Amino acid sequence: MREAVSRSNNIDWSLVGTVVSPENERLAYEFFRRMASFLQKENLVPVSPKFADIARLLGGEKELVDITTIYSQETIEYMNKFSGIELFCNFYLKLASYIDDHPEYSEYIHVYEPLLRILERKGAFVFRVNELEIIGVGHFPLGGWYERFLNKPSYDIENL
């Protein structure tokens, strides 16, 4: 959990959304692919990535993390400018906390990694009703996402 809190606190939230990079589209693709792979591996019914709380799907608590103890009010307000970022960060931190008690699931923190990297690179995303928009780059429809990304080749995001 400490590493997850550190990484998310090291994001320069005042600059999120200021850098548009075509590589962010590959990161979004990889997020969808990893989410589909996770759901298949755990034999779970596909859910919208917008609401994919992996810790809860693995049997963890239903409550969200109290992010007011982790982020400043200014950061939370900034997150709210981009619909879904606050919820994404909550899911990421919740899974990191869950893994502290259930290390056998540690491999699944990588599912959220691509979206975290977009934020670290000062890019941004918005979950809309039927799509994930990567600001300034492209849109990913949420309808049929699981079938489209299941068993797709992966991107090496280490060098993006």
N, C-alpha and C. Protein backbone atom coordinates (compact mmCIF):
# COMPACT_ATOMS: atom_id res chain seq x y z
N MET A 1 0.83 -1.19 0.00
CA MET A 1 0.00 0.00 0.00
C MET A 1 0.88 1.26 0.00
N ARG A 2 1.99 1.22 0.74
CA ARG A 2 2.86 2.40 0.80
C ARG A 2 3.34 2.84 -0.57
N GLU A 3 3.74 1.86 -1.38
CA GLU A 3 4.23 2.20 -2.72
C GLU A 3 3.12 2.82 -3.57
N ALA A 4 1.91 2.28 -3.47
CA ALA A 4 0.78 2.81 -4.24
C ALA A 4 0.45 4.24 -3.81
N VAL A 5 0.46 4.50 -2.51
CA VAL A 5 0.19 5.85 -2.01
C VAL A 5 1.29 6.79 -2.48
N SER A 6 2.53 6.34 -2.39
CA SER A 6 3.65 7.16 -2.82
C SER A 6 3.55 7.51 -4.30
N ARG A 7 3.29 6.52 -5.12
CA ARG A 7 3.20 6.77 -6.56
C ARG A 7 2.08 7.75 -6.88
N SER A 8 0.92 7.54 -6.28
CA SER A 8 -0.20 8.42 -6.60
C SER A 8 0.01 9.82 -6.03
N ASN A 9 0.70 9.93 -4.90
CA ASN A 9 1.00 11.25 -4.35
C ASN A 9 2.10 11.97 -5.11
N ASN A 10 2.93 11.23 -5.83
CA ASN A 10 4.01 11.84 -6.61
C ASN A 10 3.54 12.35 -7.97
N ILE A 11 2.30 12.09 -8.32
CA ILE A 11 1.75 12.63 -9.56
C ILE A 11 1.58 14.13 -9.37
N ASP A 12 2.02 14.89 -10.35
CA ASP A 12 1.83 16.34 -10.29
C ASP A 12 0.42 16.62 -10.80
N TRP A 13 -0.53 16.58 -9.89
CA TRP A 13 -1.95 16.68 -10.25
C TRP A 13 -2.28 17.99 -10.95
N SER A 14 -1.53 19.04 -10.67
CA SER A 14 -1.82 20.32 -11.33
C SER A 14 -1.48 20.28 -12.82
N LEU A 15 -0.68 19.28 -13.24
CA LEU A 15 -0.30 19.16 -14.64
C LEU A 15 -1.02 18.03 -15.37
N VAL A 16 -1.82 17.24 -14.64
CA VAL A 16 -2.57 16.15 -15.29
C VAL A 16 -3.49 16.76 -16.34
N GLY A 17 -3.42 16.19 -17.53
CA GLY A 17 -4.24 16.65 -18.64
C GLY A 17 -3.55 17.67 -19.52
N THR A 18 -2.31 18.04 -19.18
CA THR A 18 -1.61 19.06 -19.97
C THR A 18 -0.73 18.47 -21.06
N VAL A 19 -0.48 17.16 -21.01
CA VAL A 19 0.37 16.53 -22.02
C VAL A 19 -0.45 15.52 -22.81
N VAL A 20 -0.48 15.73 -24.11
CA VAL A 20 -1.18 14.81 -25.00
C VAL A 20 -0.13 13.98 -25.71
N SER A 21 -0.23 12.66 -25.57
CA SER A 21 0.77 11.77 -26.16
C SER A 21 0.07 10.60 -26.84
N PRO A 22 0.43 10.32 -28.09
CA PRO A 22 -0.18 9.18 -28.79
C PRO A 22 0.05 7.85 -28.08
N GLU A 23 1.15 7.75 -27.29
CA GLU A 23 1.43 6.52 -26.57
C GLU A 23 0.36 6.23 -25.51
N ASN A 24 -0.35 7.25 -25.08
CA ASN A 24 -1.41 7.03 -24.08
C ASN A 24 -2.52 6.14 -24.62
N GLU A 25 -2.69 6.14 -25.94
CA GLU A 25 -3.67 5.24 -26.54
C GLU A 25 -3.24 3.78 -26.35
N ARG A 26 -1.97 3.51 -26.47
CA ARG A 26 -1.45 2.16 -26.24
C ARG A 26 -1.61 1.76 -24.78
N LEU A 27 -1.40 2.72 -23.89
CA LEU A 27 -1.59 2.44 -22.46
C LEU A 27 -3.04 2.09 -22.17
N ALA A 28 -3.97 2.80 -22.77
CA ALA A 28 -5.39 2.50 -22.57
C ALA A 28 -5.73 1.12 -23.12
N TYR A 29 -5.22 0.82 -24.31
CA TYR A 29 -5.40 -0.51 -24.90
C TYR A 29 -4.92 -1.58 -23.94
N GLU A 30 -3.73 -1.36 -23.36
CA GLU A 30 -3.15 -2.35 -22.46
C GLU A 30 -3.97 -2.49 -21.17
N PHE A 31 -4.55 -1.40 -20.69
CA PHE A 31 -5.45 -1.48 -19.54
C PHE A 31 -6.62 -2.40 -19.84
N PHE A 32 -7.28 -2.20 -20.97
CA PHE A 32 -8.41 -3.05 -21.34
C PHE A 32 -7.99 -4.51 -21.49
N ARG A 33 -6.85 -4.73 -22.12
CA ARG A 33 -6.38 -6.09 -22.33
C ARG A 33 -6.09 -6.77 -20.99
N ARG A 34 -5.44 -6.06 -20.10
CA ARG A 34 -5.13 -6.64 -18.79
C ARG A 34 -6.40 -6.89 -17.97
N MET A 35 -7.36 -5.98 -18.07
CA MET A 35 -8.60 -6.18 -17.33
C MET A 35 -9.33 -7.42 -17.86
N ALA A 36 -9.40 -7.58 -19.16
CA ALA A 36 -10.05 -8.75 -19.75
C ALA A 36 -9.33 -10.03 -19.33
N SER A 37 -8.02 -10.01 -19.34
CA SER A 37 -7.23 -11.17 -18.94
C SER A 37 -7.48 -11.52 -17.47
N PHE A 38 -7.52 -10.51 -16.61
CA PHE A 38 -7.80 -10.73 -15.19
C PHE A 38 -9.17 -11.40 -15.01
N LEU A 39 -10.19 -10.86 -15.65
CA LEU A 39 -11.54 -11.40 -15.50
C LEU A 39 -11.61 -12.85 -15.99
N GLN A 40 -10.93 -13.13 -17.10
CA GLN A 40 -10.91 -14.49 -17.62
C GLN A 40 -10.18 -15.42 -16.66
N LYS A 41 -9.02 -15.01 -16.19
CA LYS A 41 -8.22 -15.86 -15.31
C LYS A 41 -8.95 -16.20 -14.02
N GLU A 42 -9.67 -15.22 -13.48
CA GLU A 42 -10.42 -15.43 -12.23
C GLU A 42 -11.82 -15.96 -12.48
N ASN A 43 -12.15 -16.20 -13.76
CA ASN A 43 -13.45 -16.75 -14.14
C ASN A 43 -14.60 -15.88 -13.60
N LEU A 44 -14.48 -14.57 -13.83
CA LEU A 44 -15.47 -13.62 -13.37
C LEU A 44 -16.30 -13.10 -14.53
N VAL A 45 -17.53 -12.77 -14.25
CA VAL A 45 -18.41 -12.17 -15.25
C VAL A 45 -17.85 -10.78 -15.58
N PRO A 46 -17.68 -10.47 -16.85
CA PRO A 46 -17.15 -9.16 -17.21
C PRO A 46 -18.01 -8.02 -16.69
N VAL A 47 -17.36 -7.01 -16.17
CA VAL A 47 -18.00 -5.78 -15.72
C VAL A 47 -17.38 -4.62 -16.48
N SER A 48 -18.04 -3.50 -16.47
CA SER A 48 -17.49 -2.33 -17.13
C SER A 48 -16.18 -1.95 -16.45
N PRO A 49 -15.13 -1.69 -17.23
CA PRO A 49 -13.87 -1.26 -16.63
C PRO A 49 -14.04 0.00 -15.77
N LYS A 50 -15.04 0.77 -16.06
CA LYS A 50 -15.32 1.99 -15.30
C LYS A 50 -15.60 1.67 -13.83
N PHE A 51 -16.17 0.48 -13.58
CA PHE A 51 -16.55 0.09 -12.23
C PHE A 51 -15.81 -1.15 -11.75
N ALA A 52 -14.68 -1.46 -12.38
CA ALA A 52 -13.95 -2.69 -12.08
C ALA A 52 -13.09 -2.51 -10.83
N ASP A 53 -13.69 -2.74 -9.70
CA ASP A 53 -13.03 -2.69 -8.40
C ASP A 53 -12.46 -4.09 -8.16
N ILE A 54 -11.21 -4.30 -8.54
CA ILE A 54 -10.61 -5.63 -8.50
C ILE A 54 -10.59 -6.20 -7.10
N ALA A 55 -10.30 -5.39 -6.10
CA ALA A 55 -10.28 -5.89 -4.71
C ALA A 55 -11.65 -6.46 -4.33
N ARG A 56 -12.71 -5.75 -4.68
CA ARG A 56 -14.06 -6.24 -4.38
C ARG A 56 -14.36 -7.51 -5.18
N LEU A 57 -13.95 -7.53 -6.44
CA LEU A 57 -14.20 -8.70 -7.27
C LEU A 57 -13.47 -9.94 -6.73
N LEU A 58 -12.37 -9.72 -6.02
CA LEU A 58 -11.62 -10.83 -5.41
C LEU A 58 -12.14 -11.20 -4.03
N GLY A 59 -13.15 -10.49 -3.56
CA GLY A 59 -13.75 -10.82 -2.26
C GLY A 59 -13.47 -9.82 -1.16
N GLY A 60 -12.86 -8.71 -1.49
CA GLY A 60 -12.55 -7.69 -0.49
C GLY A 60 -13.76 -6.88 -0.08
N GLU A 61 -13.51 -5.95 0.81
CA GLU A 61 -14.56 -5.07 1.32
C GLU A 61 -15.22 -4.28 0.19
N LYS A 62 -16.47 -3.95 0.41
CA LYS A 62 -17.19 -3.16 -0.59
C LYS A 62 -16.93 -1.68 -0.44
N GLU A 63 -16.52 -1.23 0.75
CA GLU A 63 -16.30 0.18 1.00
C GLU A 63 -15.06 0.66 0.25
N LEU A 64 -15.13 1.90 -0.17
CA LEU A 64 -14.00 2.52 -0.82
C LEU A 64 -13.02 3.03 0.22
N VAL A 65 -11.82 3.32 -0.21
CA VAL A 65 -10.79 3.88 0.65
C VAL A 65 -11.16 5.33 0.95
N ASP A 66 -10.91 5.78 2.17
CA ASP A 66 -11.13 7.19 2.51
C ASP A 66 -9.96 7.98 1.96
N ILE A 67 -10.13 8.48 0.74
CA ILE A 67 -9.00 9.15 0.08
C ILE A 67 -8.69 10.51 0.69
N THR A 68 -9.58 11.02 1.53
CA THR A 68 -9.28 12.31 2.18
C THR A 68 -8.12 12.16 3.16
N THR A 69 -7.80 10.93 3.55
CA THR A 69 -6.65 10.70 4.43
C THR A 69 -5.36 10.55 3.62
N ILE A 70 -5.49 10.46 2.31
CA ILE A 70 -4.33 10.23 1.45
C ILE A 70 -4.02 11.46 0.59
N TYR A 71 -5.07 12.08 0.06
CA TYR A 71 -4.91 13.22 -0.84
C TYR A 71 -5.41 14.50 -0.19
N SER A 72 -4.84 15.60 -0.63
CA SER A 72 -5.33 16.91 -0.17
C SER A 72 -6.68 17.19 -0.83
N GLN A 73 -7.43 18.08 -0.25
CA GLN A 73 -8.72 18.48 -0.83
C GLN A 73 -8.51 19.07 -2.21
N GLU A 74 -7.42 19.81 -2.37
CA GLU A 74 -7.09 20.41 -3.66
C GLU A 74 -6.88 19.32 -4.72
N THR A 75 -6.18 18.25 -4.36
CA THR A 75 -5.95 17.14 -5.29
C THR A 75 -7.25 16.45 -5.64
N ILE A 76 -8.10 16.21 -4.66
CA ILE A 76 -9.38 15.55 -4.91
C ILE A 76 -10.24 16.41 -5.83
N GLU A 77 -10.26 17.70 -5.59
CA GLU A 77 -11.02 18.60 -6.47
C GLU A 77 -10.48 18.55 -7.89
N TYR A 78 -9.17 18.48 -8.03
CA TYR A 78 -8.57 18.40 -9.36
C TYR A 78 -8.94 17.08 -10.04
N MET A 79 -8.89 15.99 -9.28
CA MET A 79 -9.28 14.68 -9.83
C MET A 79 -10.69 14.73 -10.39
N ASN A 80 -11.56 15.43 -9.70
CA ASN A 80 -12.96 15.49 -10.10
C ASN A 80 -13.20 16.23 -11.41
N LYS A 81 -12.19 16.94 -11.90
CA LYS A 81 -12.30 17.59 -13.20
C LYS A 81 -12.36 16.55 -14.32
N PHE A 82 -11.84 15.37 -14.04
CA PHE A 82 -11.80 14.29 -15.02
C PHE A 82 -12.61 13.12 -14.46
N SER A 83 -13.82 12.95 -14.95
CA SER A 83 -14.72 11.94 -14.42
C SER A 83 -14.09 10.55 -14.45
N GLY A 84 -14.02 9.96 -13.28
CA GLY A 84 -13.52 8.59 -13.18
C GLY A 84 -12.13 8.49 -12.58
N ILE A 85 -11.35 9.56 -12.58
CA ILE A 85 -9.99 9.47 -12.05
C ILE A 85 -10.01 9.22 -10.55
N GLU A 86 -10.89 9.90 -9.83
CA GLU A 86 -10.97 9.69 -8.38
C GLU A 86 -11.35 8.25 -8.07
N LEU A 87 -12.34 7.72 -8.80
CA LEU A 87 -12.75 6.34 -8.59
C LEU A 87 -11.63 5.38 -8.96
N PHE A 88 -10.94 5.63 -10.07
CA PHE A 88 -9.82 4.80 -10.47
C PHE A 88 -8.76 4.77 -9.37
N CYS A 89 -8.38 5.94 -8.85
CA CYS A 89 -7.36 6.00 -7.80
C CYS A 89 -7.83 5.25 -6.56
N ASN A 90 -9.11 5.35 -6.27
CA ASN A 90 -9.66 4.63 -5.13
C ASN A 90 -9.52 3.12 -5.34
N PHE A 91 -9.88 2.64 -6.52
CA PHE A 91 -9.76 1.21 -6.81
C PHE A 91 -8.30 0.75 -6.73
N TYR A 92 -7.40 1.57 -7.24
CA TYR A 92 -5.97 1.24 -7.23
C TYR A 92 -5.45 1.13 -5.80
N LEU A 93 -5.76 2.10 -4.96
CA LEU A 93 -5.31 2.08 -3.57
C LEU A 93 -5.98 0.96 -2.79
N LYS A 94 -7.24 0.72 -3.06
CA LYS A 94 -7.96 -0.36 -2.38
C LYS A 94 -7.34 -1.71 -2.70
N LEU A 95 -6.99 -1.93 -3.96
CA LEU A 95 -6.35 -3.19 -4.35
C LEU A 95 -4.97 -3.30 -3.69
N ALA A 96 -4.22 -2.22 -3.66
CA ALA A 96 -2.90 -2.26 -3.01
C ALA A 96 -3.04 -2.64 -1.54
N SER A 97 -4.03 -2.10 -0.87
CA SER A 97 -4.28 -2.43 0.53
C SER A 97 -4.69 -3.89 0.68
N TYR A 98 -5.55 -4.36 -0.23
CA TYR A 98 -6.01 -5.74 -0.20
C TYR A 98 -4.84 -6.71 -0.39
N ILE A 99 -3.93 -6.35 -1.28
CA ILE A 99 -2.76 -7.19 -1.56
C ILE A 99 -1.85 -7.29 -0.33
N ASP A 100 -1.81 -6.24 0.48
CA ASP A 100 -1.01 -6.31 1.71
C ASP A 100 -1.44 -7.50 2.57
N ASP A 101 -2.74 -7.79 2.59
CA ASP A 101 -3.27 -8.92 3.37
C ASP A 101 -3.40 -10.20 2.55
N HIS A 102 -3.39 -10.08 1.24
CA HIS A 102 -3.55 -11.23 0.34
C HIS A 102 -2.51 -11.16 -0.77
N PRO A 103 -1.24 -11.39 -0.43
CA PRO A 103 -0.16 -11.22 -1.42
C PRO A 103 -0.28 -12.17 -2.62
N GLU A 104 -1.08 -13.20 -2.50
CA GLU A 104 -1.25 -14.11 -3.63
C GLU A 104 -1.90 -13.42 -4.83
N TYR A 105 -2.49 -12.25 -4.61
CA TYR A 105 -3.12 -11.50 -5.70
C TYR A 105 -2.26 -10.33 -6.19
N SER A 106 -1.01 -10.29 -5.77
CA SER A 106 -0.15 -9.15 -6.09
C SER A 106 0.02 -8.91 -7.59
N GLU A 107 -0.11 -9.94 -8.39
CA GLU A 107 0.05 -9.77 -9.84
C GLU A 107 -1.02 -8.86 -10.44
N TYR A 108 -2.15 -8.70 -9.74
CA TYR A 108 -3.25 -7.94 -10.32
C TYR A 108 -3.11 -6.44 -10.19
N ILE A 109 -2.16 -5.96 -9.40
CA ILE A 109 -1.95 -4.51 -9.32
C ILE A 109 -1.54 -3.98 -10.69
N HIS A 110 -0.92 -4.85 -11.50
CA HIS A 110 -0.48 -4.44 -12.84
C HIS A 110 -1.65 -4.11 -13.77
N VAL A 111 -2.84 -4.55 -13.45
CA VAL A 111 -4.00 -4.25 -14.30
C VAL A 111 -4.22 -2.74 -14.37
N TYR A 112 -4.08 -2.07 -13.24
CA TYR A 112 -4.30 -0.62 -13.19
C TYR A 112 -3.10 0.20 -13.66
N GLU A 113 -1.95 -0.44 -13.79
CA GLU A 113 -0.71 0.25 -14.13
C GLU A 113 -0.80 1.15 -15.37
N PRO A 114 -1.38 0.70 -16.48
CA PRO A 114 -1.40 1.58 -17.66
C PRO A 114 -2.12 2.91 -17.44
N LEU A 115 -3.24 2.90 -16.72
CA LEU A 115 -3.93 4.17 -16.47
C LEU A 115 -3.15 5.04 -15.50
N LEU A 116 -2.49 4.42 -14.55
CA LEU A 116 -1.64 5.18 -13.63
C LEU A 116 -0.51 5.86 -14.40
N ARG A 117 0.04 5.15 -15.36
CA ARG A 117 1.14 5.73 -16.16
C ARG A 117 0.66 6.93 -16.97
N ILE A 118 -0.57 6.88 -17.46
CA ILE A 118 -1.10 8.04 -18.19
C ILE A 118 -1.07 9.26 -17.29
N LEU A 119 -1.51 9.09 -16.04
CA LEU A 119 -1.52 10.20 -15.09
C LEU A 119 -0.10 10.66 -14.75
N GLU A 120 0.80 9.71 -14.56
CA GLU A 120 2.19 10.06 -14.25
C GLU A 120 2.84 10.84 -15.39
N ARG A 121 2.40 10.57 -16.61
CA ARG A 121 2.95 11.24 -17.79
C ARG A 121 2.25 12.56 -18.07
N LYS A 122 1.37 12.97 -17.15
CA LYS A 122 0.63 14.23 -17.23
C LYS A 122 -0.48 14.20 -18.27
N GLY A 123 -0.85 12.98 -18.68
CA GLY A 123 -2.01 12.82 -19.55
C GLY A 123 -3.25 12.69 -18.67
N ALA A 124 -4.38 12.49 -19.31
CA ALA A 124 -5.62 12.34 -18.54
C ALA A 124 -6.59 11.46 -19.31
N PHE A 125 -7.54 10.94 -18.58
CA PHE A 125 -8.62 10.15 -19.17
C PHE A 125 -9.92 10.49 -18.46
N VAL A 126 -11.00 10.21 -19.17
CA VAL A 126 -12.35 10.44 -18.63
C VAL A 126 -13.20 9.23 -18.96
N PHE A 127 -13.82 8.67 -17.94
CA PHE A 127 -14.80 7.63 -18.19
C PHE A 127 -16.13 8.32 -18.42
N ARG A 128 -16.68 8.11 -19.59
CA ARG A 128 -18.01 8.64 -19.92
C ARG A 128 -18.99 7.48 -19.82
N VAL A 129 -20.25 7.73 -20.13
CA VAL A 129 -21.27 6.69 -20.00
C VAL A 129 -20.90 5.45 -20.80
N ASN A 130 -20.49 5.62 -22.04
CA ASN A 130 -20.24 4.47 -22.91
C ASN A 130 -18.84 4.41 -23.48
N GLU A 131 -17.90 5.14 -22.88
CA GLU A 131 -16.56 5.12 -23.44
C GLU A 131 -15.53 5.59 -22.42
N LEU A 132 -14.29 5.24 -22.73
CA LEU A 132 -13.14 5.79 -22.03
C LEU A 132 -12.48 6.73 -23.03
N GLU A 133 -12.39 8.00 -22.67
CA GLU A 133 -11.72 8.96 -23.52
C GLU A 133 -10.33 9.22 -22.97
N ILE A 134 -9.33 9.08 -23.81
CA ILE A 134 -7.97 9.47 -23.47
C ILE A 134 -7.85 10.88 -24.02
N ILE A 135 -7.76 11.85 -23.15
CA ILE A 135 -7.84 13.26 -23.51
C ILE A 135 -6.84 13.60 -24.61
N GLY A 136 -7.40 14.13 -25.70
CA GLY A 136 -6.60 14.57 -26.83
C GLY A 136 -6.07 13.47 -27.73
N VAL A 137 -6.42 12.21 -27.41
CA VAL A 137 -5.84 11.09 -28.15
C VAL A 137 -6.89 10.23 -28.84
N GLY A 138 -7.90 9.77 -28.09
CA GLY A 138 -8.88 8.89 -28.70
C GLY A 138 -9.93 8.42 -27.71
N HIS A 139 -10.83 7.61 -28.23
CA HIS A 139 -11.96 7.08 -27.45
C HIS A 139 -11.99 5.56 -27.57
N PHE A 140 -12.35 4.90 -26.48
CA PHE A 140 -12.51 3.45 -26.46
C PHE A 140 -13.95 3.16 -26.03
N PRO A 141 -14.78 2.66 -26.94
CA PRO A 141 -16.15 2.32 -26.54
C PRO A 141 -16.15 1.22 -25.48
N LEU A 142 -17.04 1.34 -24.51
CA LEU A 142 -17.13 0.33 -23.46
C LEU A 142 -18.02 -0.84 -23.86
N GLY A 143 -18.91 -0.64 -24.80
CA GLY A 143 -19.75 -1.74 -25.27
C GLY A 143 -18.91 -2.80 -25.97
N GLY A 144 -19.00 -4.03 -25.52
CA GLY A 144 -18.27 -5.14 -26.13
C GLY A 144 -16.77 -5.11 -25.88
N TRP A 145 -16.33 -4.31 -24.93
CA TRP A 145 -14.89 -4.17 -24.69
C TRP A 145 -14.23 -5.50 -24.36
N TYR A 146 -14.88 -6.31 -23.55
CA TYR A 146 -14.27 -7.57 -23.09
C TYR A 146 -13.92 -8.47 -24.28
N GLU A 147 -14.87 -8.66 -25.17
CA GLU A 147 -14.64 -9.52 -26.33
C GLU A 147 -13.56 -8.95 -27.24
N ARG A 148 -13.51 -7.63 -27.37
CA ARG A 148 -12.52 -7.00 -28.25
C ARG A 148 -11.10 -7.12 -27.72
N PHE A 149 -10.93 -7.17 -26.39
CA PHE A 149 -9.59 -7.15 -25.83
C PHE A 149 -9.13 -8.48 -25.26
N LEU A 150 -10.02 -9.43 -25.15
CA LEU A 150 -9.64 -10.74 -24.63
C LEU A 150 -8.70 -11.42 -25.62
N ASN A 151 -7.60 -11.93 -25.10
CA ASN A 151 -6.60 -12.67 -25.88
C ASN A 151 -5.90 -11.83 -26.95
N LYS A 152 -5.87 -10.53 -26.77
CA LYS A 152 -5.12 -9.66 -27.68
C LYS A 152 -3.66 -9.65 -27.25
N PRO A 153 -2.76 -9.38 -28.19
CA PRO A 153 -1.34 -9.29 -27.83
C PRO A 153 -1.10 -8.10 -26.90
N SER A 154 -0.12 -8.22 -26.04
CA SER A 154 0.16 -7.16 -25.07
C SER A 154 1.15 -6.15 -25.66
N TYR A 155 1.11 -4.96 -25.08
CA TYR A 155 2.11 -3.93 -25.37
C TYR A 155 3.11 -3.93 -24.22
N ASP A 156 4.36 -3.72 -24.58
CA ASP A 156 5.38 -3.52 -23.55
C ASP A 156 5.32 -2.06 -23.16
N ILE A 157 4.71 -1.79 -22.01
CA ILE A 157 4.52 -0.40 -21.61
C ILE A 157 5.73 0.18 -20.89
N GLU A 158 6.72 -0.63 -20.64
CA GLU A 158 7.91 -0.15 -19.93
C GLU A 158 8.65 0.93 -20.71
N ASN A 159 8.56 0.88 -22.01
CA ASN A 159 9.32 1.82 -22.84
C ASN A 159 8.45 2.89 -23.49
N LEU A 160 7.23 3.03 -23.03
CA LEU A 160 6.35 4.07 -23.63
C LEU A 160 6.57 5.39 -22.92
